């Protein structure tokens, strides 16, 4: 019986039931008001009816995002690499360093 209760589908159902009970219990604290005329309009940075929308430039952000992505993947691969394949982390570290040199040399 203990294994049945701790099986993933049963635990999932228990959490769904807990969520539904909490949602119903806390719904009385939510705001109930009059529906606004623009309630279902699209939202664009607090601006309505934009004629000339300016797209932001992410070119300065990309190298930093790439740096953190490469670092996170490298740490994950090196931390989870098996002991019997010592060359795998070294290859990933060298390729990560090469990609960082290429992106910041640009």
C-alpha atoms as a PDB file:
ATOM      1  CA  UNK A   1       0.000   0.000   0.000  1.00  0.00           C
ATOM      2  CA  UNK A   2       2.911   2.367   0.750  1.00  0.00           C
ATOM      3  CA  UNK A   3       4.348   1.883  -2.751  1.00  0.00           C
ATOM      4  CA  UNK A   4       0.978   2.563  -4.355  1.00  0.00           C
ATOM      5  CA  UNK A   5       0.570   5.929  -2.614  1.00  0.00           C
ATOM      6  CA  UNK A   6       4.082   7.037  -3.575  1.00  0.00           C
ATOM      7  CA  UNK A   7       3.711   6.113  -7.250  1.00  0.00           C
ATOM      8  CA  UNK A   8       3.936   9.134  -9.592  1.00  0.00           C
ATOM      9  CA  UNK A   9       0.347   9.019 -10.952  1.00  0.00           C
ATOM     10  CA  UNK A  10      -1.148   8.858  -7.456  1.00  0.00           C
ATOM     11  CA  UNK A  11       1.104  11.642  -6.157  1.00  0.00           C
ATOM     12  CA  UNK A  12       0.116  13.719  -9.208  1.00  0.00           C
ATOM     13  CA  UNK A  13      -3.580  13.191  -8.471  1.00  0.00           C
ATOM     14  CA  UNK A  14      -3.053  14.079  -4.812  1.00  0.00           C
ATOM     15  CA  UNK A  15      -1.361  17.346  -5.803  1.00  0.00           C
ATOM     16  CA  UNK A  16      -4.122  18.141  -8.318  1.00  0.00           C
ATOM     17  CA  UNK A  17      -6.714  17.630  -5.590  1.00  0.00           C
ATOM     18  CA  UNK A  18      -4.729  19.814  -3.158  1.00  0.00           C
ATOM     19  CA  UNK A  19      -4.432  22.504  -5.848  1.00  0.00           C
ATOM     20  CA  UNK A  20      -8.159  22.449  -6.627  1.00  0.00           C
ATOM     21  CA  UNK A  21      -9.097  22.651  -2.937  1.00  0.00           C
ATOM     22  CA  UNK A  22      -6.690  25.574  -2.374  1.00  0.00           C
ATOM     23  CA  UNK A  23      -7.912  27.307  -5.521  1.00  0.00           C
ATOM     24  CA  UNK A  24     -11.524  27.032  -4.403  1.00  0.00           C
ATOM     25  CA  UNK A  25     -10.691  28.124  -0.854  1.00  0.00           C
ATOM     26  CA  UNK A  26      -8.683  31.174  -1.914  1.00  0.00           C
ATOM     27  CA  UNK A  27     -11.024  32.260  -4.709  1.00  0.00           C
ATOM     28  CA  UNK A  28     -13.108  34.212  -2.217  1.00  0.00           C
ATOM     29  CA  UNK A  29     -10.111  36.512  -1.654  1.00  0.00           C
ATOM     30  CA  UNK A  30      -9.716  37.332  -5.337  1.00  0.00           C
ATOM     31  CA  UNK A  31     -10.875  40.608  -6.792  1.00  0.00           C
ATOM     32  CA  UNK A  32     -14.361  40.558  -8.272  1.00  0.00           C
ATOM     33  CA  UNK A  33     -15.211  43.677 -10.189  1.00  0.00           C
ATOM     34  CA  UNK A  34     -16.891  45.101 -13.224  1.00  0.00           C
ATOM     35  CA  UNK A  35     -15.452  43.906 -16.514  1.00  0.00           C
ATOM     36  CA  UNK A  36     -13.690  46.745 -18.326  1.00  0.00           C
ATOM     37  CA  UNK A  37     -14.219  47.602 -21.975  1.00  0.00           C
ATOM     38  CA  UNK A  38     -10.502  47.029 -22.743  1.00  0.00           C
ATOM     39  CA  UNK A  39     -10.087  43.968 -20.575  1.00  0.00           C
ATOM     40  CA  UNK A  40      -9.401  41.558 -23.442  1.00  0.00           C
ATOM     41  CA  UNK A  41      -7.292  43.963 -25.559  1.00  0.00           C
ATOM     42  CA  UNK A  42      -3.712  43.077 -26.342  1.00  0.00           C
ATOM     43  CA  UNK A  43      -1.054  44.628 -24.135  1.00  0.00           C
ATOM     44  CA  UNK A  44       2.173  46.085 -25.552  1.00  0.00           C
ATOM     45  CA  UNK A  45       4.394  47.603 -22.866  1.00  0.00           C
ATOM     46  CA  UNK A  46       1.609  49.785 -21.488  1.00  0.00           C
ATOM     47  CA  UNK A  47       0.891  51.405 -24.844  1.00  0.00           C
ATOM     48  CA  UNK A  48      -2.406  51.164 -26.691  1.00  0.00           C
ATOM     49  CA  UNK A  49      -3.106  51.601 -30.398  1.00  0.00           C
ATOM     50  CA  UNK A  50       0.528  51.789 -31.458  1.00  0.00           C
ATOM     51  CA  UNK A  51       1.033  53.080 -34.995  1.00  0.00           C
ATOM     52  CA  UNK A  52       4.834  53.020 -35.180  1.00  0.00           C
ATOM     53  CA  UNK A  53       6.056  50.283 -32.874  1.00  0.00           C
ATOM     54  CA  UNK A  54       9.825  50.197 -32.297  1.00  0.00           C
ATOM     55  CA  UNK A  55      11.439  46.772 -32.093  1.00  0.00           C
ATOM     56  CA  UNK A  56      14.224  46.573 -29.516  1.00  0.00           C
ATOM     57  CA  UNK A  57      17.745  45.635 -30.596  1.00  0.00           C
ATOM     58  CA  UNK A  58      19.116  42.609 -28.746  1.00  0.00           C
ATOM     59  CA  UNK A  59      22.504  42.531 -30.453  1.00  0.00           C
ATOM     60  CA  UNK A  60      24.294  43.759 -27.306  1.00  0.00           C
ATOM     61  CA  UNK A  61      22.441  41.223 -25.160  1.00  0.00           C
ATOM     62  CA  UNK A  62      23.265  38.164 -27.294  1.00  0.00           C
ATOM     63  CA  UNK A  63      26.933  37.673 -26.258  1.00  0.00           C
ATOM     64  CA  UNK A  64      26.017  37.679 -22.566  1.00  0.00           C
ATOM     65  CA  UNK A  65      23.104  35.305 -23.078  1.00  0.00           C
ATOM     66  CA  UNK A  66      25.374  33.047 -25.112  1.00  0.00           C
ATOM     67  CA  UNK A  67      28.038  33.191 -22.379  1.00  0.00           C
ATOM     68  CA  UNK A  68      25.647  32.097 -19.651  1.00  0.00           C
ATOM     69  CA  UNK A  69      24.105  29.397 -21.834  1.00  0.00           C
ATOM     70  CA  UNK A  70      27.498  27.928 -22.725  1.00  0.00           C
ATOM     71  CA  UNK A  71      28.676  28.097 -19.098  1.00  0.00           C
ATOM     72  CA  UNK A  72      25.554  26.364 -17.794  1.00  0.00           C
ATOM     73  CA  UNK A  73      25.784  23.590 -20.386  1.00  0.00           C
ATOM     74  CA  UNK A  74      29.507  23.130 -19.722  1.00  0.00           C
ATOM     75  CA  UNK A  75      28.998  22.869 -15.975  1.00  0.00           C
ATOM     76  CA  UNK A  76      26.135  20.413 -16.474  1.00  0.00           C
ATOM     77  CA  UNK A  77      28.152  18.206 -18.837  1.00  0.00           C
ATOM     78  CA  UNK A  78      31.306  18.262 -16.718  1.00  0.00           C
ATOM     79  CA  UNK A  79      29.401  17.614 -13.482  1.00  0.00           C
ATOM     80  CA  UNK A  80      27.492  14.660 -14.918  1.00  0.00           C
ATOM     81  CA  UNK A  81      30.276  13.140 -17.023  1.00  0.00           C
ATOM     82  CA  UNK A  82      31.019   9.500 -16.281  1.00  0.00           C
ATOM     83  CA  UNK A  83      34.355   8.664 -14.687  1.00  0.00           C
ATOM     84  CA  UNK A  84      35.287   6.106 -17.336  1.00  0.00           C
ATOM     85  CA  UNK A  85      35.262   8.737 -20.135  1.00  0.00           C
ATOM     86  CA  UNK A  86      37.702  11.443 -18.956  1.00  0.00           C
ATOM     87  CA  UNK A  87      38.124  12.927 -22.445  1.00  0.00           C
ATOM     88  CA  UNK A  88      34.464  14.006 -22.770  1.00  0.00           C
ATOM     89  CA  UNK A  89      34.600  16.911 -20.257  1.00  0.00           C
ATOM     90  CA  UNK A  90      37.890  18.104 -21.711  1.00  0.00           C
ATOM     91  CA  UNK A  91      36.421  18.192 -25.231  1.00  0.00           C
ATOM     92  CA  UNK A  92      33.384  20.130 -24.010  1.00  0.00           C
ATOM     93  CA  UNK A  93      35.502  22.620 -22.059  1.00  0.00           C
ATOM     94  CA  UNK A  94      37.787  23.249 -25.048  1.00  0.00           C
ATOM     95  CA  UNK A  95      34.836  23.652 -27.429  1.00  0.00           C
ATOM     96  CA  UNK A  96      33.130  26.013 -24.960  1.00  0.00           C
ATOM     97  CA  UNK A  97      36.260  28.124 -24.616  1.00  0.00           C
ATOM     98  CA  UNK A  98      36.614  28.226 -28.415  1.00  0.00           C
ATOM     99  CA  UNK A  99      32.997  29.339 -28.846  1.00  0.00           C
ATOM    100  CA  UNK A 100      33.446  32.073 -26.234  1.00  0.00           C
ATOM    101  CA  UNK A 101      36.609  33.324 -27.950  1.00  0.00           C
ATOM    102  CA  UNK A 102      34.751  33.437 -31.274  1.00  0.00           C
ATOM    103  CA  UNK A 103      31.701  35.276 -29.909  1.00  0.00           C
ATOM    104  CA  UNK A 104      33.676  37.911 -28.004  1.00  0.00           C
ATOM    105  CA  UNK A 105      36.259  38.438 -30.742  1.00  0.00           C
ATOM    106  CA  UNK A 106      33.494  39.595 -33.066  1.00  0.00           C
END
